[in-house]
Amino acid sequence: MYEESVKFLAWAEAYDDPDLETGRSRVRHEQWLKELKVPVIRLSGEEDALVVVKKALIRLGRGE
């Protein structure tokens, strides 16, 4: 378990590095999100997640 934790922490530390060439990264995830043909709800932590989702559903015509 220790080795897996060390590997995860190393990956997490490099996640925001725009020069990361292999594996998952913020740059790759942002590119993937731009290519999606469905609505994406972003949760930033600045607003209550339930409120954000409810507002998004209302905008999409699926809320009450």
Protein backbone atom coordinates (compact mmCIF):
# COMPACT_ATOMS: atom_id res chain seq x y z
CA MET A 1 0.00 0.00 0.00
CA TYR A 2 2.88 2.36 0.76
CA GLU A 3 4.33 2.02 -2.76
CA GLU A 4 0.92 2.71 -4.33
CA SER A 5 0.50 5.80 -2.16
CA VAL A 6 3.93 7.10 -3.16
CA LYS A 7 3.11 6.52 -6.87
CA PHE A 8 -0.23 8.30 -6.51
CA LEU A 9 1.29 11.29 -4.74
CA ALA A 10 3.98 11.59 -7.43
CA TRP A 11 1.29 11.53 -10.14
CA ALA A 12 -0.89 14.04 -8.26
CA GLU A 13 2.07 16.38 -7.86
CA ALA A 14 2.70 16.30 -11.64
CA TYR A 15 -0.98 16.53 -12.68
CA ASP A 16 -0.90 20.32 -13.23
CA ASP A 17 2.42 20.25 -15.12
CA PRO A 18 1.60 21.30 -18.72
CA ASP A 19 4.74 19.54 -19.97
CA LEU A 20 3.73 16.12 -18.63
CA GLU A 21 3.99 13.86 -21.66
CA THR A 22 2.54 10.58 -20.42
CA GLY A 23 -0.45 9.65 -18.33
CA ARG A 24 -3.36 11.72 -17.19
CA SER A 25 -2.88 15.45 -16.72
CA ARG A 26 -4.94 18.61 -16.39
CA VAL A 27 -4.04 19.62 -19.96
CA ARG A 28 -5.24 16.29 -21.36
CA HIS A 29 -8.41 16.35 -19.28
CA GLU A 30 -9.24 19.92 -20.35
CA GLN A 31 -8.72 18.99 -24.01
CA TRP A 32 -10.95 15.92 -23.59
CA LEU A 33 -13.67 18.02 -21.93
CA LYS A 34 -13.62 20.50 -24.84
CA GLU A 35 -14.25 17.66 -27.28
CA LEU A 36 -17.30 16.30 -25.45
CA LYS A 37 -20.65 16.83 -27.15
CA VAL A 38 -22.57 16.81 -23.87
CA PRO A 39 -22.92 19.47 -21.16
CA VAL A 40 -20.19 19.46 -18.50
CA ILE A 41 -20.85 20.62 -14.95
CA ARG A 42 -17.74 22.02 -13.28
CA LEU A 43 -17.46 21.86 -9.51
CA SER A 44 -14.84 24.24 -8.14
CA GLY A 45 -15.53 24.14 -4.44
CA GLU A 46 -16.42 27.83 -4.42
CA GLU A 47 -20.14 27.10 -4.42
CA ASP A 48 -22.16 24.27 -2.92
CA ALA A 49 -22.07 21.32 -5.36
CA LEU A 50 -25.81 20.67 -5.03
CA VAL A 51 -26.57 24.29 -5.92
CA VAL A 52 -24.28 24.14 -8.97
CA VAL A 53 -25.87 20.92 -10.23
CA LYS A 54 -29.40 22.19 -9.65
CA LYS A 55 -28.66 25.43 -11.57
CA ALA A 56 -27.17 23.41 -14.43
CA LEU A 57 -30.19 21.13 -14.60
CA ILE A 58 -32.52 24.14 -14.65
CA ARG A 59 -30.49 25.64 -17.53
CA LEU A 60 -30.83 22.35 -19.38
CA GLY A 61 -34.59 22.30 -18.77
CA ARG A 62 -34.44 19.27 -16.49
CA GLY A 63 -34.79 20.94 -13.10
CA GLU A 64 -37.86 21.79 -11.10
